N, C-alpha and C. Protein backbone atom coordinates (compact mmCIF):
# COMPACT_ATOMS: atom_id res chain seq x y z
N MET A 1 13.54 23.52 54.96
CA MET A 1 14.57 24.54 55.13
C MET A 1 14.03 25.72 55.91
N SER A 2 14.78 26.26 56.83
CA SER A 2 14.34 27.41 57.59
C SER A 2 14.16 28.60 56.68
N ASP A 3 13.13 29.42 56.94
CA ASP A 3 12.91 30.60 56.12
C ASP A 3 13.75 31.78 56.57
N LEU A 4 14.63 31.57 57.56
CA LEU A 4 15.54 32.62 57.98
C LEU A 4 16.98 32.29 57.65
N GLU A 5 17.23 31.17 57.00
CA GLU A 5 18.59 30.74 56.72
C GLU A 5 18.76 30.48 55.24
N PRO A 6 19.99 30.62 54.70
CA PRO A 6 20.23 30.35 53.29
C PRO A 6 20.12 28.87 52.99
N PRO A 7 19.86 28.50 51.73
CA PRO A 7 19.76 27.09 51.38
C PRO A 7 21.09 26.38 51.57
N PRO A 8 21.05 25.10 51.93
CA PRO A 8 22.29 24.37 52.19
C PRO A 8 23.09 24.09 50.93
N LEU A 9 24.39 24.14 51.05
CA LEU A 9 25.28 23.76 49.97
C LEU A 9 26.11 22.58 50.46
N ARG A 10 26.65 21.83 49.53
CA ARG A 10 27.37 20.63 49.95
C ARG A 10 28.84 20.68 49.53
N THR A 11 29.39 21.85 49.39
CA THR A 11 30.81 21.98 49.07
C THR A 11 31.56 22.31 50.35
N ARG A 12 32.77 21.81 50.44
CA ARG A 12 33.57 22.07 51.63
C ARG A 12 34.03 23.53 51.62
N LYS A 13 34.09 24.12 52.80
CA LYS A 13 34.43 25.52 52.92
C LYS A 13 35.91 25.70 53.20
N PRO A 14 36.53 26.70 52.54
CA PRO A 14 37.91 27.03 52.89
C PRO A 14 37.95 27.61 54.29
N ARG A 15 39.15 27.72 54.81
CA ARG A 15 39.31 28.31 56.12
C ARG A 15 38.77 29.75 56.11
N GLY A 16 38.18 30.15 57.22
CA GLY A 16 37.66 31.51 57.32
C GLY A 16 36.21 31.64 56.91
N GLN A 17 35.58 30.55 56.44
CA GLN A 17 34.19 30.62 56.02
C GLN A 17 33.29 29.81 56.94
N GLY A 18 33.65 29.79 58.22
CA GLY A 18 32.87 29.01 59.18
C GLY A 18 31.46 29.51 59.35
N ALA A 19 31.26 30.84 59.25
CA ALA A 19 29.91 31.38 59.42
C ALA A 19 28.99 30.87 58.32
N SER A 20 29.51 30.74 57.11
CA SER A 20 28.71 30.22 56.01
C SER A 20 28.35 28.76 56.25
N ARG A 21 29.32 27.98 56.71
CA ARG A 21 29.06 26.58 57.01
C ARG A 21 28.02 26.45 58.13
N ARG A 22 28.12 27.31 59.13
CA ARG A 22 27.16 27.28 60.23
C ARG A 22 25.75 27.52 59.69
N GLY A 23 25.62 28.45 58.77
CA GLY A 23 24.31 28.71 58.18
C GLY A 23 23.78 27.52 57.42
N GLU A 24 24.66 26.82 56.72
CA GLU A 24 24.24 25.62 55.99
C GLU A 24 23.74 24.54 56.96
N ILE A 25 24.45 24.40 58.07
CA ILE A 25 24.04 23.40 59.06
C ILE A 25 22.66 23.74 59.62
N LEU A 26 22.43 25.00 59.96
CA LEU A 26 21.14 25.40 60.49
C LEU A 26 20.02 25.20 59.47
N ALA A 27 20.31 25.49 58.20
CA ALA A 27 19.30 25.30 57.16
C ALA A 27 18.97 23.83 56.98
N ALA A 28 19.99 22.99 56.94
CA ALA A 28 19.76 21.55 56.77
C ALA A 28 19.04 20.97 57.98
N ALA A 29 19.46 21.36 59.17
CA ALA A 29 18.81 20.86 60.38
C ALA A 29 17.35 21.30 60.44
N SER A 30 17.10 22.54 60.07
CA SER A 30 15.72 23.04 60.08
C SER A 30 14.84 22.20 59.17
N ARG A 31 15.35 21.92 57.99
CA ARG A 31 14.56 21.13 57.03
C ARG A 31 14.29 19.72 57.57
N LEU A 32 15.31 19.09 58.13
CA LEU A 32 15.13 17.74 58.66
C LEU A 32 14.22 17.73 59.90
N PHE A 33 14.36 18.74 60.74
CA PHE A 33 13.49 18.82 61.92
C PHE A 33 12.03 18.92 61.50
N LEU A 34 11.77 19.69 60.46
CA LEU A 34 10.40 19.87 60.01
C LEU A 34 9.87 18.64 59.28
N GLU A 35 10.73 18.00 58.51
CA GLU A 35 10.30 16.84 57.72
C GLU A 35 10.20 15.56 58.56
N GLU A 36 11.14 15.37 59.47
CA GLU A 36 11.23 14.10 60.19
C GLU A 36 10.91 14.22 61.68
N GLY A 37 10.86 15.45 62.18
CA GLY A 37 10.69 15.65 63.61
C GLY A 37 12.03 15.76 64.31
N VAL A 38 12.08 16.52 65.36
CA VAL A 38 13.34 16.75 66.06
C VAL A 38 13.90 15.45 66.62
N VAL A 39 13.06 14.58 67.12
CA VAL A 39 13.52 13.34 67.75
C VAL A 39 14.22 12.45 66.72
N HIS A 40 13.69 12.37 65.51
CA HIS A 40 14.19 11.42 64.51
C HIS A 40 15.34 11.96 63.67
N ALA A 41 15.51 13.26 63.63
CA ALA A 41 16.59 13.85 62.83
C ALA A 41 17.88 13.80 63.64
N THR A 42 18.74 12.85 63.34
CA THR A 42 19.97 12.66 64.11
C THR A 42 21.07 13.60 63.63
N MET A 43 22.07 13.76 64.46
CA MET A 43 23.23 14.56 64.08
C MET A 43 23.92 13.96 62.86
N ARG A 44 23.94 12.64 62.75
CA ARG A 44 24.55 11.99 61.59
C ARG A 44 23.79 12.33 60.32
N ARG A 45 22.45 12.35 60.41
CA ARG A 45 21.64 12.70 59.24
C ARG A 45 21.86 14.15 58.84
N ILE A 46 21.99 15.03 59.83
CA ILE A 46 22.23 16.44 59.53
C ILE A 46 23.58 16.61 58.85
N ALA A 47 24.59 15.92 59.36
CA ALA A 47 25.93 15.99 58.76
C ALA A 47 25.89 15.52 57.32
N ALA A 48 25.20 14.42 57.05
CA ALA A 48 25.11 13.89 55.70
C ALA A 48 24.40 14.87 54.78
N GLU A 49 23.38 15.53 55.29
CA GLU A 49 22.63 16.50 54.49
C GLU A 49 23.51 17.68 54.08
N VAL A 50 24.37 18.11 54.99
CA VAL A 50 25.26 19.24 54.71
C VAL A 50 26.43 18.81 53.83
N GLY A 51 26.82 17.54 53.97
CA GLY A 51 27.96 17.04 53.22
C GLY A 51 29.26 17.12 53.97
N VAL A 52 29.17 16.98 55.30
CA VAL A 52 30.37 16.97 56.14
C VAL A 52 30.33 15.72 57.00
N SER A 53 31.44 15.42 57.63
CA SER A 53 31.48 14.28 58.53
C SER A 53 30.82 14.64 59.85
N PRO A 54 30.32 13.65 60.59
CA PRO A 54 29.77 13.94 61.93
C PRO A 54 30.77 14.66 62.82
N THR A 55 32.04 14.30 62.69
CA THR A 55 33.06 14.96 63.50
C THR A 55 33.13 16.44 63.18
N ALA A 56 33.06 16.77 61.89
CA ALA A 56 33.09 18.18 61.49
C ALA A 56 31.87 18.93 62.00
N LEU A 57 30.72 18.26 62.00
CA LEU A 57 29.50 18.90 62.49
C LEU A 57 29.63 19.29 63.97
N TYR A 58 30.26 18.41 64.75
CA TYR A 58 30.39 18.67 66.18
C TYR A 58 31.31 19.85 66.47
N VAL A 59 32.11 20.27 65.51
CA VAL A 59 32.94 21.46 65.68
C VAL A 59 32.04 22.68 65.85
N TYR A 60 30.90 22.68 65.16
CA TYR A 60 29.98 23.82 65.18
C TYR A 60 28.91 23.70 66.27
N PHE A 61 28.39 22.51 66.44
CA PHE A 61 27.30 22.30 67.41
C PHE A 61 27.52 20.99 68.14
N PRO A 62 27.50 21.00 69.48
CA PRO A 62 27.74 19.76 70.22
C PRO A 62 26.58 18.78 70.18
N ASP A 63 25.36 19.28 69.92
CA ASP A 63 24.20 18.40 69.91
C ASP A 63 23.01 19.12 69.27
N LYS A 64 21.89 18.42 69.17
CA LYS A 64 20.69 19.01 68.55
C LYS A 64 20.14 20.17 69.37
N SER A 65 20.30 20.10 70.68
CA SER A 65 19.81 21.19 71.52
C SER A 65 20.49 22.51 71.16
N ALA A 66 21.78 22.44 70.90
CA ALA A 66 22.52 23.65 70.52
C ALA A 66 22.04 24.18 69.17
N ILE A 67 21.70 23.27 68.25
CA ILE A 67 21.17 23.69 66.96
C ILE A 67 19.81 24.36 67.13
N LEU A 68 18.95 23.76 67.93
CA LEU A 68 17.64 24.34 68.19
C LEU A 68 17.76 25.71 68.85
N GLN A 69 18.72 25.83 69.75
CA GLN A 69 18.94 27.11 70.41
C GLN A 69 19.36 28.17 69.40
N ALA A 70 20.24 27.80 68.47
CA ALA A 70 20.69 28.74 67.46
C ALA A 70 19.55 29.16 66.54
N ILE A 71 18.69 28.21 66.20
CA ILE A 71 17.52 28.53 65.37
C ILE A 71 16.61 29.51 66.11
N ALA A 72 16.38 29.25 67.39
CA ALA A 72 15.53 30.13 68.19
C ALA A 72 16.15 31.53 68.30
N GLU A 73 17.45 31.61 68.47
CA GLU A 73 18.11 32.90 68.57
C GLU A 73 17.93 33.70 67.29
N ALA A 74 18.11 33.03 66.14
CA ALA A 74 17.94 33.71 64.86
C ALA A 74 16.51 34.17 64.67
N THR A 75 15.57 33.33 65.08
CA THR A 75 14.16 33.68 64.96
C THR A 75 13.82 34.91 65.79
N PHE A 76 14.24 34.91 67.04
CA PHE A 76 13.91 36.03 67.93
C PHE A 76 14.63 37.31 67.51
N GLU A 77 15.83 37.19 66.98
CA GLU A 77 16.53 38.40 66.52
C GLU A 77 15.78 39.05 65.37
N THR A 78 15.27 38.24 64.45
CA THR A 78 14.51 38.78 63.33
C THR A 78 13.16 39.33 63.80
N LEU A 79 12.51 38.61 64.71
CA LEU A 79 11.25 39.09 65.26
C LEU A 79 11.44 40.43 65.98
N LEU A 80 12.51 40.55 66.75
CA LEU A 80 12.76 41.78 67.49
C LEU A 80 12.91 42.97 66.54
N LEU A 81 13.61 42.77 65.44
CA LEU A 81 13.76 43.85 64.46
C LEU A 81 12.41 44.29 63.93
N ALA A 82 11.54 43.32 63.65
CA ALA A 82 10.21 43.66 63.13
C ALA A 82 9.39 44.41 64.18
N LEU A 83 9.47 43.99 65.43
CA LEU A 83 8.72 44.66 66.49
C LEU A 83 9.24 46.07 66.72
N GLU A 84 10.54 46.22 66.72
CA GLU A 84 11.12 47.56 66.92
C GLU A 84 10.72 48.49 65.79
N ALA A 85 10.74 47.99 64.57
CA ALA A 85 10.36 48.82 63.43
C ALA A 85 8.89 49.24 63.52
N SER A 86 8.04 48.36 64.04
CA SER A 86 6.61 48.67 64.13
C SER A 86 6.33 49.81 65.10
N GLN A 87 7.24 50.04 66.03
CA GLN A 87 7.01 51.06 67.03
C GLN A 87 7.43 52.46 66.57
N GLN A 88 8.03 52.55 65.41
CA GLN A 88 8.56 53.83 64.94
C GLN A 88 7.56 54.61 64.09
N ALA A 89 6.55 53.92 63.54
CA ALA A 89 5.71 54.54 62.53
C ALA A 89 4.49 55.27 63.09
N GLN A 90 4.12 55.02 64.34
CA GLN A 90 2.89 55.56 64.89
C GLN A 90 3.18 56.43 66.11
N SER A 91 2.50 57.59 66.18
CA SER A 91 2.64 58.44 67.36
C SER A 91 1.52 58.20 68.36
N ASP A 92 0.33 57.83 67.88
CA ASP A 92 -0.78 57.52 68.77
C ASP A 92 -0.47 56.25 69.53
N PRO A 93 -0.61 56.24 70.86
CA PRO A 93 -0.20 55.07 71.64
C PRO A 93 -1.00 53.80 71.33
N ILE A 94 -2.29 53.92 71.10
CA ILE A 94 -3.08 52.74 70.76
C ILE A 94 -2.68 52.22 69.39
N ALA A 95 -2.49 53.13 68.44
CA ALA A 95 -2.09 52.71 67.09
C ALA A 95 -0.72 52.06 67.11
N ARG A 96 0.19 52.58 67.94
CA ARG A 96 1.52 51.99 68.05
C ARG A 96 1.45 50.61 68.67
N PHE A 97 0.61 50.46 69.68
CA PHE A 97 0.45 49.15 70.31
C PHE A 97 -0.15 48.16 69.32
N ARG A 98 -1.15 48.58 68.59
CA ARG A 98 -1.76 47.71 67.59
C ARG A 98 -0.74 47.30 66.52
N ALA A 99 0.11 48.23 66.13
CA ALA A 99 1.13 47.93 65.12
C ALA A 99 2.07 46.84 65.59
N GLY A 100 2.41 46.85 66.88
CA GLY A 100 3.27 45.81 67.42
C GLY A 100 2.61 44.45 67.38
N LEU A 101 1.33 44.40 67.72
CA LEU A 101 0.61 43.13 67.69
C LEU A 101 0.51 42.60 66.25
N CYS A 102 0.23 43.50 65.33
CA CYS A 102 0.14 43.11 63.92
C CYS A 102 1.49 42.60 63.42
N ALA A 103 2.57 43.25 63.86
CA ALA A 103 3.90 42.85 63.41
C ALA A 103 4.25 41.45 63.87
N TYR A 104 3.82 41.09 65.08
CA TYR A 104 4.10 39.75 65.59
C TYR A 104 3.43 38.70 64.71
N VAL A 105 2.14 38.87 64.44
CA VAL A 105 1.43 37.89 63.62
C VAL A 105 1.99 37.86 62.20
N ALA A 106 2.30 39.03 61.66
CA ALA A 106 2.86 39.09 60.31
C ALA A 106 4.19 38.36 60.23
N PHE A 107 4.99 38.46 61.29
CA PHE A 107 6.26 37.74 61.32
C PHE A 107 6.04 36.24 61.24
N GLY A 108 5.14 35.73 62.08
CA GLY A 108 4.88 34.29 62.06
C GLY A 108 4.37 33.81 60.72
N ARG A 109 3.51 34.58 60.08
CA ARG A 109 2.98 34.19 58.78
C ARG A 109 4.05 34.25 57.69
N ALA A 110 4.98 35.19 57.82
CA ALA A 110 6.04 35.32 56.82
C ALA A 110 7.15 34.30 57.01
N HIS A 111 7.32 33.80 58.23
CA HIS A 111 8.40 32.87 58.55
C HIS A 111 7.83 31.64 59.27
N PRO A 112 6.94 30.91 58.62
CA PRO A 112 6.25 29.81 59.32
C PRO A 112 7.17 28.71 59.81
N ASP A 113 8.20 28.37 59.03
CA ASP A 113 9.09 27.28 59.45
C ASP A 113 9.86 27.67 60.71
N SER A 114 10.41 28.87 60.73
CA SER A 114 11.15 29.32 61.89
C SER A 114 10.23 29.45 63.10
N TYR A 115 9.01 29.90 62.88
CA TYR A 115 8.04 30.02 63.98
C TYR A 115 7.73 28.64 64.54
N ARG A 116 7.51 27.67 63.66
CA ARG A 116 7.20 26.31 64.13
C ARG A 116 8.34 25.75 64.97
N LEU A 117 9.56 25.89 64.46
CA LEU A 117 10.70 25.31 65.16
C LEU A 117 10.98 26.00 66.49
N THR A 118 10.68 27.26 66.58
CA THR A 118 10.95 28.01 67.81
C THR A 118 9.84 27.86 68.84
N PHE A 119 8.59 27.89 68.40
CA PHE A 119 7.47 27.92 69.33
C PHE A 119 6.68 26.62 69.43
N LEU A 120 6.78 25.76 68.42
CA LEU A 120 5.89 24.61 68.38
C LEU A 120 6.59 23.27 68.44
N GLN A 121 7.74 23.13 67.78
CA GLN A 121 8.33 21.81 67.64
C GLN A 121 9.51 21.55 68.56
N ARG A 122 9.98 22.54 69.27
CA ARG A 122 11.05 22.26 70.23
C ARG A 122 10.48 21.47 71.40
N PRO A 123 11.21 20.48 71.89
CA PRO A 123 10.75 19.73 73.07
C PRO A 123 10.49 20.70 74.22
N PRO A 124 9.51 20.42 75.08
CA PRO A 124 9.17 21.34 76.17
C PRO A 124 10.37 21.74 77.02
N GLU A 125 11.27 20.79 77.27
CA GLU A 125 12.41 21.11 78.13
C GLU A 125 13.42 22.02 77.43
N LYS A 126 13.25 22.24 76.12
CA LYS A 126 14.18 23.10 75.37
C LYS A 126 13.56 24.45 75.04
N ARG A 127 12.39 24.76 75.59
CA ARG A 127 11.71 25.98 75.22
C ARG A 127 11.96 27.13 76.19
N ASP A 128 12.93 27.00 77.06
CA ASP A 128 13.27 28.09 77.97
C ASP A 128 14.07 29.12 77.19
N CYS A 129 13.49 30.32 77.06
CA CYS A 129 14.13 31.36 76.26
C CYS A 129 14.85 32.39 77.12
N ASP A 130 15.06 32.06 78.40
CA ASP A 130 15.67 33.03 79.31
C ASP A 130 17.06 33.45 78.85
N GLU A 131 17.76 32.57 78.14
CA GLU A 131 19.12 32.89 77.72
C GLU A 131 19.16 33.57 76.36
N ILE A 132 18.02 33.87 75.77
CA ILE A 132 17.97 34.54 74.47
C ILE A 132 17.57 35.99 74.71
N ALA A 133 18.52 36.90 74.59
CA ALA A 133 18.25 38.30 74.90
C ALA A 133 17.14 38.86 74.02
N ALA A 134 17.15 38.50 72.74
CA ALA A 134 16.14 39.04 71.83
C ALA A 134 14.73 38.59 72.21
N ALA A 135 14.61 37.41 72.82
CA ALA A 135 13.30 36.95 73.29
C ALA A 135 12.81 37.83 74.43
N ASP A 136 13.68 38.11 75.38
CA ASP A 136 13.32 38.98 76.50
C ASP A 136 12.94 40.37 76.00
N HIS A 137 13.72 40.90 75.06
CA HIS A 137 13.46 42.24 74.54
C HIS A 137 12.15 42.29 73.76
N SER A 138 11.85 41.20 73.06
CA SER A 138 10.60 41.16 72.29
C SER A 138 9.40 41.22 73.23
N PHE A 139 9.43 40.42 74.29
CA PHE A 139 8.32 40.44 75.23
C PHE A 139 8.27 41.77 75.97
N ALA A 140 9.44 42.37 76.22
CA ALA A 140 9.48 43.65 76.93
C ALA A 140 8.77 44.74 76.14
N ILE A 141 8.85 44.67 74.81
CA ILE A 141 8.13 45.66 74.00
C ILE A 141 6.63 45.56 74.25
N LEU A 142 6.12 44.34 74.31
CA LEU A 142 4.71 44.13 74.59
C LEU A 142 4.35 44.59 76.00
N GLN A 143 5.15 44.19 76.98
CA GLN A 143 4.85 44.55 78.37
C GLN A 143 4.93 46.06 78.58
N ARG A 144 5.94 46.70 78.00
CA ARG A 144 6.05 48.16 78.14
C ARG A 144 4.87 48.87 77.48
N GLY A 145 4.40 48.29 76.37
CA GLY A 145 3.24 48.88 75.71
C GLY A 145 2.02 48.83 76.62
N VAL A 146 1.80 47.69 77.27
CA VAL A 146 0.69 47.56 78.21
C VAL A 146 0.85 48.54 79.37
N GLU A 147 2.05 48.60 79.93
CA GLU A 147 2.30 49.49 81.06
C GLU A 147 2.07 50.95 80.68
N GLY A 148 2.50 51.32 79.48
CA GLY A 148 2.31 52.70 79.04
C GLY A 148 0.85 53.06 78.86
N LEU A 149 0.07 52.13 78.34
CA LEU A 149 -1.35 52.40 78.13
C LEU A 149 -2.10 52.44 79.46
N ILE A 150 -1.66 51.64 80.42
CA ILE A 150 -2.25 51.71 81.77
C ILE A 150 -1.92 53.05 82.41
N ALA A 151 -0.66 53.46 82.31
CA ALA A 151 -0.23 54.73 82.91
C ALA A 151 -0.95 55.92 82.28
N ALA A 152 -1.26 55.80 80.98
CA ALA A 152 -1.96 56.88 80.28
C ALA A 152 -3.45 56.88 80.55
N GLY A 153 -3.93 55.89 81.29
CA GLY A 153 -5.35 55.81 81.60
C GLY A 153 -6.18 55.24 80.47
N LEU A 154 -5.53 54.65 79.47
CA LEU A 154 -6.26 54.09 78.33
C LEU A 154 -6.64 52.63 78.56
N PHE A 155 -5.78 51.88 79.25
CA PHE A 155 -6.08 50.50 79.61
C PHE A 155 -6.52 50.44 81.08
N ARG A 156 -7.33 49.44 81.39
CA ARG A 156 -7.73 49.22 82.76
C ARG A 156 -6.50 48.89 83.62
N PRO A 157 -6.50 49.29 84.89
CA PRO A 157 -5.35 49.02 85.76
C PRO A 157 -5.30 47.55 86.17
N VAL A 158 -4.59 46.76 85.40
CA VAL A 158 -4.46 45.33 85.65
C VAL A 158 -2.98 44.99 85.79
N ASP A 159 -2.69 43.76 86.16
CA ASP A 159 -1.30 43.29 86.23
C ASP A 159 -0.74 43.31 84.81
N PRO A 160 0.26 44.15 84.52
CA PRO A 160 0.75 44.26 83.16
C PRO A 160 1.41 42.99 82.62
N VAL A 161 2.03 42.23 83.51
CA VAL A 161 2.67 40.99 83.06
C VAL A 161 1.60 39.98 82.63
N CYS A 162 0.58 39.83 83.48
CA CYS A 162 -0.50 38.91 83.14
C CYS A 162 -1.21 39.36 81.87
N ALA A 163 -1.45 40.67 81.74
CA ALA A 163 -2.12 41.19 80.55
C ALA A 163 -1.28 40.92 79.31
N ALA A 164 0.03 41.16 79.41
CA ALA A 164 0.91 40.94 78.27
C ALA A 164 0.94 39.47 77.87
N GLU A 165 0.97 38.59 78.86
CA GLU A 165 0.99 37.15 78.56
C GLU A 165 -0.34 36.70 77.96
N ALA A 166 -1.46 37.28 78.43
CA ALA A 166 -2.76 36.95 77.86
C ALA A 166 -2.83 37.41 76.41
N ILE A 167 -2.30 38.59 76.14
CA ILE A 167 -2.29 39.11 74.77
C ILE A 167 -1.41 38.24 73.89
N TRP A 168 -0.24 37.87 74.41
CA TRP A 168 0.63 36.99 73.62
C TRP A 168 -0.05 35.66 73.33
N ALA A 169 -0.81 35.14 74.28
CA ALA A 169 -1.52 33.88 74.07
C ALA A 169 -2.48 34.00 72.89
N CYS A 170 -3.16 35.13 72.80
CA CYS A 170 -4.08 35.35 71.67
C CYS A 170 -3.32 35.47 70.35
N LEU A 171 -2.22 36.20 70.36
CA LEU A 171 -1.42 36.36 69.14
C LEU A 171 -0.85 35.02 68.69
N HIS A 172 -0.32 34.27 69.64
CA HIS A 172 0.26 32.96 69.32
C HIS A 172 -0.82 32.03 68.77
N GLY A 173 -2.00 32.10 69.34
CA GLY A 173 -3.07 31.24 68.88
C GLY A 173 -3.47 31.50 67.45
N VAL A 174 -3.70 32.75 67.11
CA VAL A 174 -4.12 33.05 65.74
C VAL A 174 -2.98 32.81 64.76
N THR A 175 -1.74 33.08 65.18
CA THR A 175 -0.59 32.84 64.30
C THR A 175 -0.46 31.35 64.00
N THR A 176 -0.58 30.53 65.04
CA THR A 176 -0.48 29.08 64.86
C THR A 176 -1.59 28.56 63.96
N LEU A 177 -2.80 29.05 64.15
CA LEU A 177 -3.90 28.63 63.29
C LEU A 177 -3.63 28.97 61.83
N LEU A 178 -3.11 30.16 61.59
CA LEU A 178 -2.91 30.60 60.22
C LEU A 178 -1.77 29.88 59.52
N ILE A 179 -0.78 29.41 60.27
CA ILE A 179 0.33 28.73 59.60
C ILE A 179 0.15 27.22 59.55
N ASP A 180 -0.72 26.66 60.40
CA ASP A 180 -0.87 25.20 60.42
C ASP A 180 -2.30 24.71 60.17
N GLN A 181 -3.29 25.58 60.30
CA GLN A 181 -4.69 25.17 60.12
C GLN A 181 -5.43 26.11 59.18
N ALA A 182 -4.70 26.75 58.29
CA ALA A 182 -5.31 27.76 57.42
C ALA A 182 -6.45 27.19 56.58
N ALA A 183 -6.34 25.93 56.16
CA ALA A 183 -7.36 25.32 55.31
C ALA A 183 -8.69 25.19 56.03
N HIS A 184 -8.67 25.22 57.36
CA HIS A 184 -9.90 25.05 58.14
C HIS A 184 -10.50 26.38 58.57
N ILE A 185 -9.91 27.49 58.13
CA ILE A 185 -10.42 28.81 58.49
C ILE A 185 -11.19 29.36 57.30
N ASP A 186 -12.47 29.60 57.47
CA ASP A 186 -13.32 30.07 56.38
C ASP A 186 -13.25 31.57 56.18
N SER A 187 -13.00 32.32 57.24
CA SER A 187 -12.99 33.78 57.11
C SER A 187 -11.70 34.25 56.44
N ASP A 188 -11.74 35.48 55.94
CA ASP A 188 -10.54 36.09 55.37
C ASP A 188 -9.47 36.17 56.45
N HIS A 189 -8.27 35.74 56.11
CA HIS A 189 -7.21 35.64 57.13
C HIS A 189 -6.83 36.99 57.70
N ASP A 190 -6.72 37.99 56.86
CA ASP A 190 -6.38 39.33 57.37
C ASP A 190 -7.49 39.87 58.25
N ALA A 191 -8.73 39.60 57.85
CA ALA A 191 -9.87 40.05 58.66
C ALA A 191 -9.87 39.35 60.02
N LEU A 192 -9.49 38.08 60.03
CA LEU A 192 -9.43 37.34 61.29
C LEU A 192 -8.39 37.94 62.21
N VAL A 193 -7.22 38.24 61.67
CA VAL A 193 -6.17 38.86 62.49
C VAL A 193 -6.65 40.19 63.06
N ALA A 194 -7.28 41.00 62.21
CA ALA A 194 -7.77 42.30 62.67
C ALA A 194 -8.83 42.13 63.77
N GLN A 195 -9.68 41.11 63.61
CA GLN A 195 -10.72 40.86 64.61
C GLN A 195 -10.11 40.45 65.95
N VAL A 196 -9.15 39.55 65.91
CA VAL A 196 -8.51 39.08 67.14
C VAL A 196 -7.81 40.25 67.85
N ILE A 197 -7.03 41.01 67.09
CA ILE A 197 -6.29 42.11 67.69
C ILE A 197 -7.24 43.19 68.20
N GLY A 198 -8.30 43.47 67.44
CA GLY A 198 -9.28 44.44 67.89
C GLY A 198 -9.96 44.00 69.18
N THR A 199 -10.28 42.72 69.28
CA THR A 199 -10.91 42.19 70.48
C THR A 199 -9.96 42.26 71.67
N VAL A 200 -8.69 41.94 71.44
CA VAL A 200 -7.69 42.00 72.51
C VAL A 200 -7.58 43.42 73.06
N ILE A 201 -7.50 44.39 72.18
CA ILE A 201 -7.36 45.77 72.63
C ILE A 201 -8.63 46.25 73.33
N ALA A 202 -9.78 45.96 72.72
CA ALA A 202 -11.04 46.40 73.32
C ALA A 202 -11.24 45.80 74.71
N GLY A 203 -10.78 44.59 74.91
CA GLY A 203 -10.94 43.93 76.19
C GLY A 203 -10.13 44.55 77.31
N HIS A 204 -9.13 45.36 76.95
CA HIS A 204 -8.29 45.99 77.97
C HIS A 204 -8.57 47.48 78.13
N LEU A 205 -9.38 48.07 77.24
CA LEU A 205 -9.66 49.48 77.34
C LEU A 205 -10.49 49.80 78.58
N ARG A 206 -10.28 50.98 79.13
CA ARG A 206 -11.15 51.44 80.21
C ARG A 206 -12.57 51.56 79.67
N SER A 207 -13.55 51.36 80.51
CA SER A 207 -14.94 51.26 80.06
C SER A 207 -15.40 52.48 79.28
N GLU A 208 -14.93 53.67 79.66
CA GLU A 208 -15.38 54.87 78.96
C GLU A 208 -14.79 54.99 77.57
N ASP A 209 -13.72 54.17 77.28
CA ASP A 209 -13.10 54.23 75.96
C ASP A 209 -13.52 53.09 75.08
N SER A 210 -14.36 52.19 75.57
CA SER A 210 -14.66 50.97 74.82
C SER A 210 -15.87 51.08 73.93
N ASN A 211 -16.56 52.21 73.95
CA ASN A 211 -17.75 52.37 73.12
C ASN A 211 -17.36 52.74 71.68
């Protein structure tokens, strides 16, 4: 079951409760995608899990790609809220930037199923997030943070897009390790996150600020 959706119910919904039914479908699909894999979880299986006919399911989603897209949209919307909140608590620019990086990893650890389905288990051809506004806005927070630190003379003058993508690669890596390979990590998980984020920031600081 997705950690961003309510648990599925199998009672038929009266008219006007389509949003609730949609949530049940996303929850059931998320669970089947994680348990059986996206390829093997058919629309018929999802319909049976929810307790509706395949025809009724198609009223809400035309195919699995549309379901995956909806899961990704919900994931990015929740992530965006967490990132935006992280930017409100700190006035120091480095501390604010660090808070955003920490918020990203914390989100993945708090919502591992949604993170897996959005970033790890969607087929490669379905991972284009250009049509998800919250995905663009989430990355924009990171890129603007890099640009601001460069403009302030705190970060080295590098390509901000490349720097932001390199930082995201580090965040995604440690997040993925913690949600799928935690048993193989001997160090304290929080300490590992702090080490990765500290290394990322130190690697971009101007030389006079890195001591």
